[in-house]
């Protein structure tokens, strides 16, 4: 009798498990159906296409000649540029003289090593610095030395000689 009751209980469990599996598959199918991508419907292609206006529309209030002058033109050929340079200009006698560009040798041995050096706001390098710069005659030169620690130092010079040396040592007039 006991064995018979166990067999009946086993059959009922199998049926319950089967029903639960069926219910799980139905639920999974319902979720997949709800999350399907929306159907895409395509509109028919018209048989005749309206021609588009090819030219740009002039906005109201702007004269049409202005747009023509602002339109980009292709770059000139090198031969055209050369012809422009070689052509005599009408103002050849009235052009102002060009400022004289000079080379100055610069040596900076001031402050701690690896301090940043700037000339008129442009970084030249780091100390100790030896190099060459170009400037126009009479141009003011502002050297700024920015050490890794501490305050920056400023040195003003004028582009009127061939060499500038900036050091911590005072200039000595006699050599012993």
C-alpha atoms as a PDB file:
ATOM      1  CA  UNK A   1       0.000   0.000   0.000  1.00  0.00           C
ATOM      2  CA  UNK A   2       2.732   2.308   0.841  1.00  0.00           C
ATOM      3  CA  UNK A   3       4.377   1.756  -2.514  1.00  0.00           C
ATOM      4  CA  UNK A   4       1.139   2.492  -4.302  1.00  0.00           C
ATOM      5  CA  UNK A   5       0.753   5.814  -2.484  1.00  0.00           C
ATOM      6  CA  UNK A   6       4.296   6.786  -3.441  1.00  0.00           C
ATOM      7  CA  UNK A   7       3.625   5.994  -7.092  1.00  0.00           C
ATOM      8  CA  UNK A   8       0.480   8.136  -7.062  1.00  0.00           C
ATOM      9  CA  UNK A   9       2.403  11.004  -5.459  1.00  0.00           C
ATOM     10  CA  UNK A  10       5.153  10.690  -8.073  1.00  0.00           C
ATOM     11  CA  UNK A  11       2.605  10.875 -10.952  1.00  0.00           C
ATOM     12  CA  UNK A  12       1.002  13.982  -9.452  1.00  0.00           C
ATOM     13  CA  UNK A  13       4.428  15.653  -9.106  1.00  0.00           C
ATOM     14  CA  UNK A  14       5.252  14.849 -12.739  1.00  0.00           C
ATOM     15  CA  UNK A  15       1.963  16.381 -13.890  1.00  0.00           C
ATOM     16  CA  UNK A  16       2.560  19.496 -11.754  1.00  0.00           C
ATOM     17  CA  UNK A  17       6.095  19.901 -13.116  1.00  0.00           C
ATOM     18  CA  UNK A  18       4.779  19.490 -16.683  1.00  0.00           C
ATOM     19  CA  UNK A  19       2.081  22.105 -16.066  1.00  0.00           C
ATOM     20  CA  UNK A  20       4.654  24.530 -14.600  1.00  0.00           C
ATOM     21  CA  UNK A  21       6.951  24.032 -17.602  1.00  0.00           C
ATOM     22  CA  UNK A  22       4.080  24.647 -19.997  1.00  0.00           C
ATOM     23  CA  UNK A  23       3.127  27.808 -18.091  1.00  0.00           C
ATOM     24  CA  UNK A  24       6.768  29.045 -18.177  1.00  0.00           C
ATOM     25  CA  UNK A  25       6.995  28.535 -21.969  1.00  0.00           C
ATOM     26  CA  UNK A  26       3.695  30.356 -22.515  1.00  0.00           C
ATOM     27  CA  UNK A  27       4.880  33.274 -20.358  1.00  0.00           C
ATOM     28  CA  UNK A  28       8.228  33.420 -22.208  1.00  0.00           C
ATOM     29  CA  UNK A  29       6.438  33.457 -25.571  1.00  0.00           C
ATOM     30  CA  UNK A  30       4.136  36.274 -24.407  1.00  0.00           C
ATOM     31  CA  UNK A  31       7.133  38.417 -23.296  1.00  0.00           C
ATOM     32  CA  UNK A  32       8.911  37.805 -26.615  1.00  0.00           C
ATOM     33  CA  UNK A  33       5.764  38.813 -28.498  1.00  0.00           C
ATOM     34  CA  UNK A  34       5.474  42.085 -26.555  1.00  0.00           C
ATOM     35  CA  UNK A  35       9.123  43.047 -27.163  1.00  0.00           C
ATOM     36  CA  UNK A  36       9.117  42.397 -30.903  1.00  0.00           C
ATOM     37  CA  UNK A  37      10.299  45.273 -33.127  1.00  0.00           C
ATOM     38  CA  UNK A  38       7.612  47.513 -34.512  1.00  0.00           C
ATOM     39  CA  UNK A  39       6.540  46.860 -38.043  1.00  0.00           C
ATOM     40  CA  UNK A  40       7.962  49.240 -40.581  1.00  0.00           C
ATOM     41  CA  UNK A  41       5.731  50.340 -43.389  1.00  0.00           C
ATOM     42  CA  UNK A  42       7.218  51.972 -46.425  1.00  0.00           C
ATOM     43  CA  UNK A  43       5.404  54.672 -48.326  1.00  0.00           C
ATOM     44  CA  UNK A  44       5.256  54.216 -52.079  1.00  0.00           C
ATOM     45  CA  UNK A  45       7.777  56.127 -54.179  1.00  0.00           C
ATOM     46  CA  UNK A  46       6.170  58.951 -56.156  1.00  0.00           C
ATOM     47  CA  UNK A  47       6.240  58.512 -59.913  1.00  0.00           C
ATOM     48  CA  UNK A  48       7.211  62.135 -60.563  1.00  0.00           C
ATOM     49  CA  UNK A  49       9.876  63.938 -58.594  1.00  0.00           C
ATOM     50  CA  UNK A  50       9.635  67.694 -58.258  1.00  0.00           C
ATOM     51  CA  UNK A  51      12.807  69.474 -59.417  1.00  0.00           C
ATOM     52  CA  UNK A  52      14.620  71.300 -56.627  1.00  0.00           C
ATOM     53  CA  UNK A  53      15.810  74.849 -56.927  1.00  0.00           C
ATOM     54  CA  UNK A  54      19.530  74.477 -57.641  1.00  0.00           C
ATOM     55  CA  UNK A  55      20.644  78.033 -56.875  1.00  0.00           C
ATOM     56  CA  UNK A  56      20.976  79.393 -53.328  1.00  0.00           C
ATOM     57  CA  UNK A  57      18.188  81.595 -52.107  1.00  0.00           C
ATOM     58  CA  UNK A  58      19.151  85.148 -51.266  1.00  0.00           C
ATOM     59  CA  UNK A  59      17.985  85.976 -47.733  1.00  0.00           C
ATOM     60  CA  UNK A  60      15.759  89.045 -47.513  1.00  0.00           C
ATOM     61  CA  UNK A  61      17.615  92.269 -46.799  1.00  0.00           C
ATOM     62  CA  UNK A  62      20.946  91.186 -48.379  1.00  0.00           C
ATOM     63  CA  UNK A  63      21.847  92.596 -51.785  1.00  0.00           C
ATOM     64  CA  UNK A  64      22.536  89.810 -54.337  1.00  0.00           C
ATOM     65  CA  UNK A  65      25.893  91.309 -55.372  1.00  0.00           C
ATOM     66  CA  UNK A  66      27.247  90.886 -51.843  1.00  0.00           C
ATOM     67  CA  UNK A  67      26.877  87.113 -51.973  1.00  0.00           C
ATOM     68  CA  UNK A  68      28.803  86.979 -55.251  1.00  0.00           C
ATOM     69  CA  UNK A  69      31.718  88.935 -53.753  1.00  0.00           C
ATOM     70  CA  UNK A  70      31.826  86.714 -50.652  1.00  0.00           C
ATOM     71  CA  UNK A  71      31.774  83.474 -52.661  1.00  0.00           C
ATOM     72  CA  UNK A  72      35.055  81.554 -52.429  1.00  0.00           C
ATOM     73  CA  UNK A  73      37.342  81.544 -55.431  1.00  0.00           C
ATOM     74  CA  UNK A  74      39.927  78.870 -56.286  1.00  0.00           C
ATOM     75  CA  UNK A  75      43.497  79.493 -55.177  1.00  0.00           C
ATOM     76  CA  UNK A  76      45.752  81.060 -57.814  1.00  0.00           C
ATOM     77  CA  UNK A  77      48.306  78.916 -59.600  1.00  0.00           C
ATOM     78  CA  UNK A  78      51.989  79.357 -58.670  1.00  0.00           C
ATOM     79  CA  UNK A  79      52.681  80.852 -62.095  1.00  0.00           C
ATOM     80  CA  UNK A  80      49.995  83.495 -61.461  1.00  0.00           C
ATOM     81  CA  UNK A  81      51.554  84.364 -58.111  1.00  0.00           C
ATOM     82  CA  UNK A  82      54.988  84.672 -59.697  1.00  0.00           C
ATOM     83  CA  UNK A  83      53.594  86.959 -62.395  1.00  0.00           C
ATOM     84  CA  UNK A  84      52.065  89.183 -59.698  1.00  0.00           C
ATOM     85  CA  UNK A  85      55.391  89.416 -57.834  1.00  0.00           C
ATOM     86  CA  UNK A  86      57.373  90.217 -60.988  1.00  0.00           C
ATOM     87  CA  UNK A  87      54.913  92.821 -62.282  1.00  0.00           C
ATOM     88  CA  UNK A  88      56.024  96.400 -61.587  1.00  0.00           C
ATOM     89  CA  UNK A  89      53.793  98.015 -59.001  1.00  0.00           C
ATOM     90  CA  UNK A  90      52.378 101.495 -59.411  1.00  0.00           C
ATOM     91  CA  UNK A  91      53.442 102.457 -55.878  1.00  0.00           C
ATOM     92  CA  UNK A  92      57.070 101.285 -56.075  1.00  0.00           C
ATOM     93  CA  UNK A  93      58.488 104.683 -55.078  1.00  0.00           C
ATOM     94  CA  UNK A  94      56.068 105.330 -52.194  1.00  0.00           C
ATOM     95  CA  UNK A  95      56.387 102.079 -50.221  1.00  0.00           C
ATOM     96  CA  UNK A  96      57.688 102.585 -46.678  1.00  0.00           C
ATOM     97  CA  UNK A  97      61.070 101.057 -45.879  1.00  0.00           C
ATOM     98  CA  UNK A  98      60.906  97.626 -44.276  1.00  0.00           C
ATOM     99  CA  UNK A  99      62.153  97.431 -40.694  1.00  0.00           C
ATOM    100  CA  UNK A 100      65.591  95.918 -40.366  1.00  0.00           C
ATOM    101  CA  UNK A 101      65.484  92.381 -38.950  1.00  0.00           C
ATOM    102  CA  UNK A 102      68.561  91.496 -36.914  1.00  0.00           C
ATOM    103  CA  UNK A 103      69.844  88.344 -35.265  1.00  0.00           C
ATOM    104  CA  UNK A 104      70.790  88.515 -31.620  1.00  0.00           C
ATOM    105  CA  UNK A 105      72.698  85.865 -29.728  1.00  0.00           C
ATOM    106  CA  UNK A 106      71.180  85.252 -26.299  1.00  0.00           C
ATOM    107  CA  UNK A 107      72.839  83.597 -23.311  1.00  0.00           C
ATOM    108  CA  UNK A 108      70.824  83.228 -20.103  1.00  0.00           C
ATOM    109  CA  UNK A 109      72.513  81.832 -16.996  1.00  0.00           C
ATOM    110  CA  UNK A 110      70.156  83.124 -14.350  1.00  0.00           C
ATOM    111  CA  UNK A 111      68.163  81.408 -11.616  1.00  0.00           C
ATOM    112  CA  UNK A 112      67.953  77.709 -10.888  1.00  0.00           C
ATOM    113  CA  UNK A 113      68.611  75.107 -13.563  1.00  0.00           C
ATOM    114  CA  UNK A 114      65.599  74.131 -15.728  1.00  0.00           C
ATOM    115  CA  UNK A 115      63.762  77.404 -15.201  1.00  0.00           C
ATOM    116  CA  UNK A 116      61.417  78.263 -18.052  1.00  0.00           C
ATOM    117  CA  UNK A 117      62.396  81.234 -20.251  1.00  0.00           C
ATOM    118  CA  UNK A 118      59.831  83.288 -22.159  1.00  0.00           C
ATOM    119  CA  UNK A 119      60.477  86.074 -24.637  1.00  0.00           C
ATOM    120  CA  UNK A 120      57.511  88.432 -25.116  1.00  0.00           C
ATOM    121  CA  UNK A 121      55.175  85.653 -23.909  1.00  0.00           C
ATOM    122  CA  UNK A 122      56.621  82.892 -26.136  1.00  0.00           C
ATOM    123  CA  UNK A 123      58.528  80.021 -24.506  1.00  0.00           C
ATOM    124  CA  UNK A 124      62.178  79.887 -25.607  1.00  0.00           C
ATOM    125  CA  UNK A 125      63.398  76.970 -23.514  1.00  0.00           C
ATOM    126  CA  UNK A 126      64.981  76.278 -20.137  1.00  0.00           C
ATOM    127  CA  UNK A 127      68.059  77.568 -18.356  1.00  0.00           C
ATOM    128  CA  UNK A 128      70.914  77.492 -19.035  1.00  0.00           C
ATOM    129  CA  UNK A 129      69.920  78.835 -22.452  1.00  0.00           C
ATOM    130  CA  UNK A 130      72.170  79.742 -25.368  1.00  0.00           C
ATOM    131  CA  UNK A 131      70.511  80.529 -28.656  1.00  0.00           C
ATOM    132  CA  UNK A 132      69.702  83.003 -31.374  1.00  0.00           C
ATOM    133  CA  UNK A 133      66.603  85.136 -31.865  1.00  0.00           C
ATOM    134  CA  UNK A 134      65.399  87.457 -34.619  1.00  0.00           C
ATOM    135  CA  UNK A 135      63.850  90.819 -33.931  1.00  0.00           C
ATOM    136  CA  UNK A 136      63.334  94.174 -35.612  1.00  0.00           C
ATOM    137  CA  UNK A 137      65.671  97.008 -34.688  1.00  0.00           C
ATOM    138  CA  UNK A 138      64.333  98.959 -31.691  1.00  0.00           C
ATOM    139  CA  UNK A 139      61.781  96.301 -30.678  1.00  0.00           C
ATOM    140  CA  UNK A 140      61.353  95.894 -26.892  1.00  0.00           C
ATOM    141  CA  UNK A 141      62.346  92.452 -25.602  1.00  0.00           C
ATOM    142  CA  UNK A 142      60.866  91.195 -22.337  1.00  0.00           C
ATOM    143  CA  UNK A 143      62.563  88.087 -20.953  1.00  0.00           C
ATOM    144  CA  UNK A 144      60.696  86.332 -18.135  1.00  0.00           C
ATOM    145  CA  UNK A 145      62.423  83.597 -16.135  1.00  0.00           C
ATOM    146  CA  UNK A 146      59.979  81.266 -14.361  1.00  0.00           C
ATOM    147  CA  UNK A 147      61.795  79.069 -11.816  1.00  0.00           C
ATOM    148  CA  UNK A 148      60.340  75.749 -10.622  1.00  0.00           C
ATOM    149  CA  UNK A 149      59.847  77.360  -7.181  1.00  0.00           C
ATOM    150  CA  UNK A 150      59.658  81.014  -6.324  1.00  0.00           C
ATOM    151  CA  UNK A 151      58.694  84.201  -8.101  1.00  0.00           C
ATOM    152  CA  UNK A 152      59.355  84.918 -11.791  1.00  0.00           C
ATOM    153  CA  UNK A 153      62.120  87.352 -12.763  1.00  0.00           C
ATOM    154  CA  UNK A 154      61.732  89.936 -15.499  1.00  0.00           C
ATOM    155  CA  UNK A 155      64.454  91.469 -17.647  1.00  0.00           C
ATOM    156  CA  UNK A 156      63.781  94.233 -20.209  1.00  0.00           C
ATOM    157  CA  UNK A 157      66.065  94.823 -23.193  1.00  0.00           C
ATOM    158  CA  UNK A 158      65.900  96.484 -26.606  1.00  0.00           C
ATOM    159  CA  UNK A 159      66.762  94.936 -29.938  1.00  0.00           C
ATOM    160  CA  UNK A 160      69.727  97.209 -30.678  1.00  0.00           C
ATOM    161  CA  UNK A 161      72.851  95.035 -30.322  1.00  0.00           C
ATOM    162  CA  UNK A 162      74.158  91.661 -31.452  1.00  0.00           C
ATOM    163  CA  UNK A 163      74.411  89.864 -28.095  1.00  0.00           C
ATOM    164  CA  UNK A 164      72.412  89.756 -24.850  1.00  0.00           C
ATOM    165  CA  UNK A 165      73.741  88.006 -21.772  1.00  0.00           C
ATOM    166  CA  UNK A 166      71.598  87.658 -18.659  1.00  0.00           C
ATOM    167  CA  UNK A 167      73.319  86.278 -15.533  1.00  0.00           C
ATOM    168  CA  UNK A 168      73.053  86.431 -11.748  1.00  0.00           C
ATOM    169  CA  UNK A 169      76.617  87.733 -11.517  1.00  0.00           C
ATOM    170  CA  UNK A 170      77.213  91.506 -11.678  1.00  0.00           C
ATOM    171  CA  UNK A 171      79.171  92.674 -14.718  1.00  0.00           C
ATOM    172  CA  UNK A 172      82.867  93.074 -13.869  1.00  0.00           C
ATOM    173  CA  UNK A 173      84.977  95.667 -15.623  1.00  0.00           C
ATOM    174  CA  UNK A 174      88.415  94.316 -14.710  1.00  0.00           C
ATOM    175  CA  UNK A 175      89.757  90.809 -15.190  1.00  0.00           C
ATOM    176  CA  UNK A 176      92.356  89.559 -12.692  1.00  0.00           C
END
